Amino acid sequence: MSNNINLRKGLNVPLAGAAAQTVSKVVVPGVVAVKPSDFRNLVPKVLVKVGDKVLAGSPVLADKMAQDILFTSPVSGEVIEVVRGEKRKLLAVLIKADDVQEYVDFGVRNVDELDAEAVKAALLQSGLWPAFIQRPYGIVANPEVAPKAIYVSAFNTAPLAADLEFALAGEAANIQTGIKAIAKLTEGGVHVSFNGKVKSQLANLQGITAHSFTGKHPAGNVGVQINNICPIRKGETVWTISPVMLAAIGKLFNTGKYDVRRKVAVAGPMVLSPAYIETVPGMSMKDIKAFYGSNEAQIRFISGDALSGANVGVDGTLRFQDNLITLLREGNEYEAFGWAKPFRFNQFSSSHTYFHWLLKCLAPSEYSLDTNLHGGERAFVVSDVYGKVLPMSIFPVYLAKACLAGNIDDMEKYGIYEVLEEDFALCEYVCPSKINIQDIISKGIDTMLKEMA
């Protein structure tokens, strides 16, 4: 397979509100949440109780199915609440952060002198093991199963995605250490995909297999990249990890600290001054009130991008893997005969439904889009609309219908092992039937986990 891959399918959604490349503030959260819901298929075991003092890197949760996988606190402070829901389901562990942060000392170690077992033990003990996402299914990687290879996407093409060149400025040494460490965990090597149109600061990383991708979104999705490099077959396992978490792994070995601080883009049409902040996962959306003011009732708070992120609400938190917060206007109004208006200069159409795309001088380059569906769910018919935006060698419509039917044989046949919900985000966006494709794929994956894993 060529290392220079041009993807002809896809769509860039021109959403307004990109973050300016400046860190406007360092957000020190008053309370941080550690949430099991950030990790698929996790059965959590609480390791702390209210009143316990913890350091950054102290264990808070463990996986009941694999108790050597720990989930640690991103801050030092005091456990103030263990939040439970119906049937005592664990929702979150809340930690009140100290003014001055203290860290567990895991010890500085030279990665070159460590073997695979030592690297694995360090990552498990520190709580950085959940940074690895296993495919199929998008679950936390099983430390007992060696992956075929490990994949990293060094760019993101989602709407308003954080610019990794800016967000990771100064982290090249830590990322290089992270590459050396994770390369010991697989015989298939570490595959890093770069944007073919941009010279990356990470292009000189040693010990990687580099790939170059050009094209529209979802070219930056690691699942799309895997499909075009070496598709996942039944019985195979690969791991993925983000550059942000690679930097955290590097800091673990270089400094001996569990340090998951990161630059997070706060973007979207409802942000007063889009920019970056420096914070930690688990930060409350209320901690960025300066970015949206007092109109929170009109805003959808999304941890992640507008297409595939989680709608967490104003009381929600930044997820473990995310480095983007998107604020959109809630579209609750009904527009009569909207479909019959050929000139709607404030609306973007992927199918050129509105004629203003012909008038380049009048068509805006960015749109302040909201969450309005502009119609309701209707018949799910077979068409090629998904195939036009999904650059993967699978059958998206047939896979979605197999997931609806719970047909495991057909799900396997049509590509369930290769996809996660994010890969179908554009399909959902362009769907003329207003079908929640990502929910359908999610239920299909859950069925596979229940029946096959």
Protein backbone atom coordinates (compact mmCIF):
# COMPACT_ATOMS: atom_id res chain seq x y z
CA MET A 1 0.00 0.00 0.00
CA SER A 2 1.34 3.44 -0.93
CA ASN A 3 2.37 5.74 1.90
CA ASN A 4 0.73 8.64 0.04
CA ILE A 5 -3.02 8.10 0.01
CA ASN A 6 -5.46 10.52 -1.61
CA LEU A 7 -9.05 10.08 -0.46
CA ARG A 8 -11.59 11.33 -3.00
CA LYS A 9 -14.68 10.88 -0.82
CA GLY A 10 -15.65 13.04 2.14
CA LEU A 11 -17.05 16.42 3.10
CA ASN A 12 -15.71 19.42 5.00
CA VAL A 13 -18.48 21.08 7.02
CA PRO A 14 -17.72 24.85 7.06
CA LEU A 15 -18.76 25.52 10.65
CA ALA A 16 -18.03 29.00 12.03
CA GLY A 17 -16.16 29.67 15.27
CA ALA A 18 -12.66 28.20 14.83
CA ALA A 19 -10.42 28.71 17.85
CA ALA A 20 -7.69 31.34 17.51
CA GLN A 21 -4.24 29.88 18.01
CA THR A 22 -3.66 31.40 21.41
CA VAL A 23 -4.09 30.08 24.96
CA SER A 24 -6.53 32.58 26.45
CA LYS A 25 -6.45 31.14 29.97
CA VAL A 26 -5.34 28.27 32.16
CA VAL A 27 -8.46 26.73 33.65
CA VAL A 28 -7.87 25.27 37.11
CA PRO A 29 -11.08 23.33 37.82
CA GLY A 30 -12.56 23.57 41.29
CA VAL A 31 -14.02 20.06 40.98
CA VAL A 32 -12.93 17.34 38.55
CA ALA A 33 -14.99 14.28 37.60
CA VAL A 34 -13.67 10.82 36.79
CA LYS A 35 -16.44 9.16 34.76
CA PRO A 36 -16.78 5.49 33.77
CA SER A 37 -18.94 6.59 30.82
CA ASP A 38 -15.81 7.96 29.13
CA PHE A 39 -14.80 4.34 28.48
CA ARG A 40 -16.88 1.85 26.50
CA ASN A 41 -17.93 -1.41 28.16
CA LEU A 42 -16.25 -0.53 31.46
CA VAL A 43 -17.57 -2.25 34.59
CA PRO A 44 -16.09 0.05 37.25
CA LYS A 45 -14.96 -0.71 40.77
CA VAL A 46 -14.57 2.29 43.11
CA LEU A 47 -11.23 2.37 44.93
CA VAL A 48 -11.82 5.52 47.02
CA LYS A 49 -14.41 6.87 49.43
CA VAL A 50 -15.63 10.33 50.35
CA GLY A 51 -13.01 12.21 52.34
CA ASP A 52 -10.00 10.40 50.87
CA LYS A 53 -7.01 12.51 49.85
CA VAL A 54 -5.62 11.73 46.41
CA LEU A 55 -2.66 12.88 44.34
CA ALA A 56 -2.58 13.31 40.57
CA GLY A 57 -2.01 9.71 39.53
CA SER A 58 -3.72 8.05 42.52
CA PRO A 59 -6.06 5.17 41.57
CA VAL A 60 -9.75 6.08 41.68
CA LEU A 61 -11.41 3.30 39.67
CA ALA A 62 -10.51 -0.14 38.39
CA ASP A 63 -12.06 -2.38 35.74
CA LYS A 64 -13.84 -5.27 37.47
CA MET A 65 -13.17 -7.47 34.44
CA ALA A 66 -9.43 -6.66 34.44
CA GLN A 67 -8.50 -5.17 37.78
CA ASP A 68 -4.95 -4.30 36.76
CA ILE A 69 -6.44 -1.57 34.51
CA LEU A 70 -6.62 1.51 36.73
CA PHE A 71 -8.24 4.91 36.20
CA THR A 72 -6.41 7.60 38.13
CA SER A 73 -7.11 11.12 39.32
CA PRO A 74 -5.99 13.94 36.99
CA VAL A 75 -5.58 16.27 39.98
CA SER A 76 -4.63 16.19 43.63
CA GLY A 77 -7.36 16.94 46.13
CA GLU A 78 -10.16 15.42 48.18
CA VAL A 79 -12.88 13.02 47.08
CA ILE A 80 -16.11 14.88 47.83
CA GLU A 81 -18.75 12.64 46.24
CA VAL A 82 -19.31 9.28 44.62
CA VAL A 83 -22.26 9.92 42.29
CA ARG A 84 -24.61 7.03 41.59
CA GLY A 85 -27.72 6.70 39.47
CA GLU A 86 -30.47 4.14 39.10
CA LYS A 87 -29.70 0.72 40.61
CA ARG A 88 -26.60 2.29 42.16
CA LYS A 89 -24.91 2.61 38.78
CA LEU A 90 -21.68 4.56 39.20
CA LEU A 91 -21.85 7.86 37.31
CA ALA A 92 -18.80 9.77 38.55
CA VAL A 93 -16.25 10.29 41.29
CA LEU A 94 -15.93 13.99 42.11
CA ILE A 95 -12.62 15.37 43.38
CA LYS A 96 -12.15 18.87 44.79
CA ALA A 97 -8.83 20.04 43.40
CA ASP A 98 -6.05 21.49 45.55
CA ASP A 99 -4.74 24.98 44.87
CA VAL A 100 -1.23 23.55 44.52
CA GLN A 101 -1.04 20.29 42.62
CA GLU A 102 0.92 17.29 43.90
CA TYR A 103 1.77 14.20 41.87
CA VAL A 104 2.45 10.55 42.56
CA ASP A 105 6.14 9.95 41.83
CA PHE A 106 6.30 7.02 39.44
CA GLY A 107 10.01 7.59 38.86
CA VAL A 108 11.93 8.79 35.82
CA ARG A 109 12.85 5.87 33.56
CA ASN A 110 14.87 5.43 30.41
CA VAL A 111 12.53 3.77 27.92
CA ASP A 112 15.46 2.31 25.97
CA GLU A 113 16.33 0.17 28.99
CA LEU A 114 12.80 -1.20 29.50
CA ASP A 115 11.26 -4.28 27.98
CA ALA A 116 7.63 -4.65 26.92
CA GLU A 117 6.48 -5.98 30.30
CA ALA A 118 8.08 -3.09 32.17
CA VAL A 119 6.44 -0.56 29.85
CA LYS A 120 3.08 -2.27 30.23
CA ALA A 121 3.41 -2.35 34.04
CA ALA A 122 4.25 1.36 34.15
CA LEU A 123 1.26 2.31 32.00
CA LEU A 124 -1.12 0.13 34.01
CA GLN A 125 0.11 1.43 37.36
CA SER A 126 -0.06 5.08 36.33
CA GLY A 127 -3.57 4.96 34.83
CA LEU A 128 -2.43 5.76 31.29
CA TRP A 129 -3.34 2.35 29.92
CA PRO A 130 -6.91 3.54 29.07
CA ALA A 131 -5.31 5.82 26.47
CA PHE A 132 -5.16 2.75 24.20
CA ILE A 133 -8.39 2.09 22.30
CA GLN A 134 -8.78 -1.39 20.88
CA ARG A 135 -10.38 -2.13 17.55
CA PRO A 136 -12.69 -3.92 16.94
CA TYR A 137 -15.31 -2.30 19.20
CA GLY A 138 -13.54 0.82 20.55
CA ILE A 139 -12.96 -0.51 24.07
CA VAL A 140 -9.99 -0.02 26.40
CA ALA A 141 -7.23 -2.28 25.09
CA ASN A 142 -6.81 -5.72 26.64
CA PRO A 143 -3.26 -5.88 28.05
CA GLU A 144 -3.27 -9.66 27.62
CA VAL A 145 -3.68 -9.48 23.83
CA ALA A 146 -0.79 -8.23 21.68
CA PRO A 147 -2.04 -5.98 18.87
CA LYS A 148 -1.28 -6.52 15.21
CA ALA A 149 -0.11 -2.87 15.10
CA ILE A 150 -0.68 0.50 16.79
CA TYR A 151 -2.08 3.44 14.81
CA VAL A 152 -1.86 7.17 15.47
CA SER A 153 -3.54 9.98 13.51
CA ALA A 154 -1.38 13.11 13.68
CA PHE A 155 -4.13 15.37 12.30
CA ASN A 156 -7.86 15.87 12.66
CA THR A 157 -10.25 16.97 9.91
CA ALA A 158 -13.45 17.19 11.97
CA PRO A 159 -15.27 20.56 12.08
CA LEU A 160 -13.36 23.06 14.27
CA ALA A 161 -10.94 20.35 15.42
CA ALA A 162 -8.02 21.45 17.56
CA ASP A 163 -4.92 22.16 15.49
CA LEU A 164 -2.51 19.51 16.74
CA GLU A 165 0.49 21.43 15.44
CA PHE A 166 -0.41 24.24 17.87
CA ALA A 167 -1.81 22.09 20.67
CA LEU A 168 1.32 19.90 20.78
CA ALA A 169 3.91 22.62 20.27
CA GLY A 170 6.92 21.82 22.45
CA GLU A 171 5.83 18.20 23.03
CA ALA A 172 7.94 16.53 20.32
CA ALA A 173 10.44 15.07 22.83
CA ASN A 174 7.68 13.60 24.99
CA ILE A 175 5.90 12.17 21.95
CA GLN A 176 9.14 10.58 20.77
CA THR A 177 9.54 8.94 24.17
CA GLY A 178 5.93 7.77 23.95
CA ILE A 179 6.59 6.24 20.52
CA LYS A 180 9.61 4.34 21.83
CA ALA A 181 7.55 3.02 24.73
CA ILE A 182 4.47 1.82 22.82
CA ALA A 183 6.58 0.34 20.00
CA LYS A 184 7.69 -2.31 22.49
CA LEU A 185 4.09 -3.50 22.86
CA THR A 186 3.60 -4.70 19.28
CA GLU A 187 5.57 -6.50 16.59
CA GLY A 188 3.62 -4.70 13.85
CA GLY A 189 5.13 -1.30 14.55
CA VAL A 190 3.62 2.14 15.17
CA HIS A 191 1.89 3.65 12.13
CA VAL A 192 1.53 7.45 12.18
CA SER A 193 -0.61 9.21 9.57
CA PHE A 194 0.12 12.83 8.61
CA ASN A 195 -1.72 15.48 6.65
CA GLY A 196 -0.17 15.38 3.18
CA LYS A 197 -0.71 19.12 2.70
CA VAL A 198 1.02 20.27 5.91
CA LYS A 199 4.60 19.82 7.08
CA SER A 200 4.21 18.43 10.59
CA GLN A 201 6.55 19.10 13.48
CA LEU A 202 6.25 15.37 14.22
CA ALA A 203 7.41 14.30 10.76
CA ASN A 204 10.91 13.56 12.11
CA LEU A 205 9.76 11.03 14.69
CA GLN A 206 11.97 7.96 14.83
CA GLY A 207 10.74 4.38 14.97
CA ILE A 208 7.47 4.88 13.09
CA THR A 209 5.94 3.87 9.79
CA ALA A 210 4.74 7.16 8.30
CA HIS A 211 1.73 7.52 6.03
CA SER A 212 0.44 10.61 4.24
CA PHE A 213 -3.26 11.31 3.69
CA THR A 214 -4.93 14.04 1.69
CA GLY A 215 -8.63 14.64 1.30
CA LYS A 216 -11.70 15.98 3.07
CA HIS A 217 -13.11 14.85 6.39
CA PRO A 218 -13.02 12.03 7.57
CA ALA A 219 -9.44 11.70 6.25
CA GLY A 220 -8.19 12.44 9.78
CA ASN A 221 -10.18 9.60 11.39
CA VAL A 222 -7.85 6.83 12.49
CA GLY A 223 -10.46 4.22 11.48
CA VAL A 224 -10.50 5.52 7.89
CA GLN A 225 -6.70 5.48 7.85
CA ILE A 226 -6.53 1.88 9.10
CA ASN A 227 -9.02 0.79 6.43
CA ASN A 228 -6.84 2.33 3.72
CA ILE A 229 -3.53 1.06 5.14
CA CYS A 230 -4.37 -2.47 6.29
CA PRO A 231 -8.04 -3.35 6.93
CA ILE A 232 -8.92 -5.22 10.12
CA ARG A 233 -9.99 -8.81 9.57
CA LYS A 234 -11.95 -11.10 11.85
CA GLY A 235 -9.74 -12.31 14.67
CA GLU A 236 -7.29 -9.40 14.38
CA THR A 237 -6.74 -6.72 17.00
CA VAL A 238 -5.18 -3.29 16.59
CA TRP A 239 -4.78 -0.43 19.03
CA THR A 240 -5.11 3.29 18.45
CA ILE A 241 -3.87 6.20 20.53
CA SER A 242 -4.03 9.97 20.10
CA PRO A 243 -0.95 12.21 19.94
CA VAL A 244 -2.24 14.02 23.05
CA MET A 245 -2.12 10.79 25.06
CA LEU A 246 1.23 9.88 23.49
CA ALA A 247 2.62 13.11 24.96
CA ALA A 248 1.22 12.13 28.38
CA ILE A 249 2.93 8.73 28.13
CA GLY A 250 6.20 10.45 27.25
CA LYS A 251 5.86 12.77 30.26
CA LEU A 252 5.29 9.75 32.49
CA PHE A 253 8.69 8.27 31.60
CA ASN A 254 10.53 11.59 31.29
CA THR A 255 9.23 13.20 34.51
CA GLY A 256 7.72 10.36 36.53
CA LYS A 257 4.35 12.16 36.67
CA TYR A 258 0.83 11.35 35.54
CA ASP A 259 0.36 14.66 33.73
CA VAL A 260 -2.68 14.81 31.42
CA ARG A 261 -2.85 18.59 31.12
CA ARG A 262 -3.55 19.62 27.55
CA LYS A 263 -4.49 22.51 25.31
CA VAL A 264 -8.20 22.32 24.55
CA ALA A 265 -9.89 24.28 21.76
CA VAL A 266 -13.12 26.03 22.80
CA ALA A 267 -14.88 26.63 19.50
CA GLY A 268 -18.22 26.99 17.79
CA PRO A 269 -20.74 29.67 16.75
CA MET A 270 -21.87 30.26 20.34
CA VAL A 271 -18.39 30.97 21.72
CA LEU A 272 -17.79 34.65 22.42
CA SER A 273 -14.05 34.54 21.68
CA PRO A 274 -12.97 31.12 20.37
CA ALA A 275 -9.51 30.20 21.65
CA TYR A 276 -7.56 27.51 23.50
CA ILE A 277 -7.42 26.82 27.20
CA GLU A 278 -5.05 24.65 29.19
CA THR A 279 -6.87 22.24 31.48
CA VAL A 280 -7.35 18.58 32.43
CA PRO A 281 -10.01 16.00 31.49
CA GLY A 282 -12.95 15.98 33.87
CA MET A 283 -13.22 19.78 33.88
CA SER A 284 -16.79 21.06 34.21
CA MET A 285 -18.31 23.07 31.36
CA LYS A 286 -19.21 25.68 33.97
CA ASP A 287 -15.49 26.41 34.34
CA ILE A 288 -15.50 28.02 30.87
CA LYS A 289 -18.45 30.34 31.54
CA ALA A 290 -16.33 33.27 30.32
CA PHE A 291 -16.56 31.78 26.80
CA TYR A 292 -20.37 31.68 26.59
CA GLY A 293 -21.75 34.19 29.07
CA SER A 294 -25.27 33.85 30.50
CA ASN A 295 -27.17 32.24 27.60
CA GLU A 296 -26.41 28.65 28.55
CA ALA A 297 -30.04 27.57 28.03
CA GLN A 298 -29.64 28.18 24.29
CA ILE A 299 -26.38 26.25 23.96
CA ARG A 300 -25.55 22.63 23.29
CA PHE A 301 -22.32 21.76 25.09
CA ILE A 302 -20.36 19.12 23.19
CA SER A 303 -17.23 17.41 24.41
CA GLY A 304 -15.58 16.67 21.09
CA ASP A 305 -16.54 17.78 17.60
CA ALA A 306 -19.97 18.79 16.32
CA LEU A 307 -20.47 15.58 14.30
CA SER A 308 -19.40 12.85 16.72
CA GLY A 309 -18.87 14.48 20.13
CA ALA A 310 -20.97 13.87 23.24
CA ASN A 311 -23.79 16.23 24.22
CA VAL A 312 -22.81 16.64 27.88
CA GLY A 313 -24.84 19.71 28.88
CA VAL A 314 -23.76 22.64 31.00
CA ASP A 315 -23.28 20.31 33.98
CA GLY A 316 -21.15 17.92 31.93
CA THR A 317 -17.40 17.51 31.77
CA LEU A 318 -14.55 17.21 29.28
CA ARG A 319 -14.07 13.56 28.34
CA PHE A 320 -10.80 11.69 28.93
CA GLN A 321 -9.75 11.58 25.26
CA ASP A 322 -11.02 14.98 24.05
CA ASN A 323 -9.15 18.19 23.31
CA LEU A 324 -12.09 20.09 21.80
CA ILE A 325 -15.23 21.67 23.24
CA THR A 326 -17.86 22.76 20.71
CA LEU A 327 -20.70 25.13 21.58
CA LEU A 328 -23.67 25.17 19.19
CA ARG A 329 -26.99 26.96 19.32
CA GLU A 330 -29.89 24.66 20.16
CA GLY A 331 -32.20 24.69 17.13
CA ASN A 332 -35.66 24.36 18.62
CA GLU A 333 -37.65 26.50 16.20
CA TYR A 334 -39.83 25.24 13.36
CA GLU A 335 -39.32 26.77 9.92
CA ALA A 336 -42.40 26.50 7.72
CA PHE A 337 -41.70 25.52 4.09
CA GLY A 338 -37.96 25.77 4.68
CA TRP A 339 -37.35 23.08 2.10
CA ALA A 340 -39.07 25.21 -0.54
CA LYS A 341 -36.83 28.24 -0.11
CA PRO A 342 -34.07 28.01 -2.74
CA PHE A 343 -32.10 30.97 -1.34
CA ARG A 344 -31.16 30.46 2.30
CA PHE A 345 -27.84 32.21 2.74
CA ASN A 346 -27.43 31.13 6.35
CA GLN A 347 -27.71 27.41 5.61
CA PHE A 348 -25.11 24.98 4.27
CA SER A 349 -26.20 22.13 2.02
CA SER A 350 -23.91 19.22 1.16
CA SER A 351 -26.17 18.39 -1.80
CA HIS A 352 -26.33 21.99 -3.14
CA THR A 353 -30.06 22.21 -2.41
CA TYR A 354 -29.83 25.98 -1.97
CA PHE A 355 -28.85 27.88 -5.09
CA HIS A 356 -26.56 30.40 -3.44
CA TRP A 357 -23.62 28.01 -3.90
CA LEU A 358 -23.70 29.10 -7.55
CA LEU A 359 -23.16 32.71 -6.48
CA LYS A 360 -19.67 32.56 -5.00
CA CYS A 361 -19.77 36.23 -4.01
CA LEU A 362 -22.88 35.67 -1.89
CA ALA A 363 -22.15 32.24 -0.44
CA PRO A 364 -20.42 32.53 2.97
CA SER A 365 -17.22 30.58 3.63
CA GLU A 366 -18.44 29.63 7.11
CA TYR A 367 -21.89 29.00 8.57
CA SER A 368 -23.23 29.50 12.09
CA LEU A 369 -25.04 26.18 12.04
CA ASP A 370 -27.31 25.02 14.87
CA THR A 371 -28.73 21.66 15.95
CA ASN A 372 -32.04 21.92 14.07
CA LEU A 373 -32.75 18.78 12.03
CA HIS A 374 -34.91 20.68 9.49
CA GLY A 375 -37.27 17.75 9.24
CA GLY A 376 -38.12 14.48 10.91
CA GLU A 377 -37.08 10.85 10.55
CA ARG A 378 -38.48 9.11 7.49
CA ALA A 379 -38.10 5.86 5.55
CA PHE A 380 -34.59 4.37 5.55
CA VAL A 381 -34.01 3.67 1.87
CA VAL A 382 -31.00 2.23 0.06
CA SER A 383 -28.99 4.93 -1.72
CA ASP A 384 -25.41 5.92 -2.44
CA VAL A 385 -25.45 9.09 -0.30
CA TYR A 386 -23.39 7.48 2.48
CA GLY A 387 -20.84 6.07 0.06
CA LYS A 388 -20.09 9.56 -1.26
CA VAL A 389 -18.73 10.73 2.11
CA LEU A 390 -17.27 7.52 3.57
CA PRO A 391 -13.85 6.64 2.07
CA MET A 392 -13.80 3.07 3.41
CA SER A 393 -14.15 -0.21 1.57
CA ILE A 394 -17.29 -1.30 3.42
CA PHE A 395 -21.03 -1.27 2.71
CA PRO A 396 -22.42 1.41 5.05
CA VAL A 397 -26.16 1.07 4.32
CA TYR A 398 -26.11 -2.71 4.53
CA LEU A 399 -24.00 -2.58 7.70
CA ALA A 400 -26.47 -0.17 9.32
CA LYS A 401 -29.41 -2.39 8.42
CA ALA A 402 -27.58 -5.48 9.71
CA CYS A 403 -27.04 -3.63 13.01
CA LEU A 404 -30.76 -2.77 13.15
CA ALA A 405 -31.62 -6.41 12.60
CA GLY A 406 -29.00 -7.69 15.04
CA ASN A 407 -27.71 -10.02 12.31
CA ILE A 408 -24.17 -10.90 13.44
CA ASP A 409 -23.21 -12.72 10.23
CA ASP A 410 -24.16 -9.72 8.11
CA MET A 411 -22.50 -7.28 10.48
CA GLU A 412 -19.26 -9.24 10.09
CA LYS A 413 -19.69 -9.40 6.33
CA TYR A 414 -20.29 -5.67 5.90
CA GLY A 415 -17.50 -4.33 8.11
CA ILE A 416 -18.46 -4.06 11.81
CA TYR A 417 -14.90 -4.92 12.88
CA GLU A 418 -13.50 -1.82 11.18
CA VAL A 419 -15.77 0.97 12.32
CA LEU A 420 -16.74 3.08 15.29
CA GLU A 421 -19.54 5.61 15.54
CA GLU A 422 -17.28 8.53 14.56
CA ASP A 423 -16.63 6.96 11.17
CA PHE A 424 -20.36 7.25 10.37
CA ALA A 425 -20.76 10.82 11.64
CA LEU A 426 -20.75 12.33 8.16
CA CYS A 427 -23.20 9.68 6.95
CA GLU A 428 -25.58 10.83 9.67
CA TYR A 429 -25.03 14.48 8.74
CA VAL A 430 -25.89 14.01 5.05
CA CYS A 431 -28.63 11.42 5.60
CA PRO A 432 -31.83 12.54 3.78
CA SER A 433 -33.86 10.27 6.07
CA LYS A 434 -32.58 11.92 9.28
CA ILE A 435 -31.54 8.51 10.62
CA ASN A 436 -29.35 8.39 13.75
CA ILE A 437 -26.73 6.20 12.09
CA GLN A 438 -24.21 6.57 14.91
CA ASP A 439 -26.71 5.20 17.44
CA ILE A 440 -27.43 2.27 15.14
CA ILE A 441 -23.72 1.46 14.77
CA SER A 442 -23.28 1.83 18.54
CA LYS A 443 -26.03 -0.70 19.20
CA GLY A 444 -24.49 -3.04 16.64
CA ILE A 445 -21.12 -2.86 18.40
CA ASP A 446 -22.82 -3.48 21.75
CA THR A 447 -24.47 -6.56 20.25
CA MET A 448 -21.10 -7.84 19.04
CA LEU A 449 -19.55 -7.26 22.48
CA LYS A 450 -22.36 -9.16 24.15
CA GLU A 451 -22.42 -12.08 21.74
CA MET A 452 -18.85 -12.39 20.47
CA ALA A 453 -16.32 -10.71 22.78
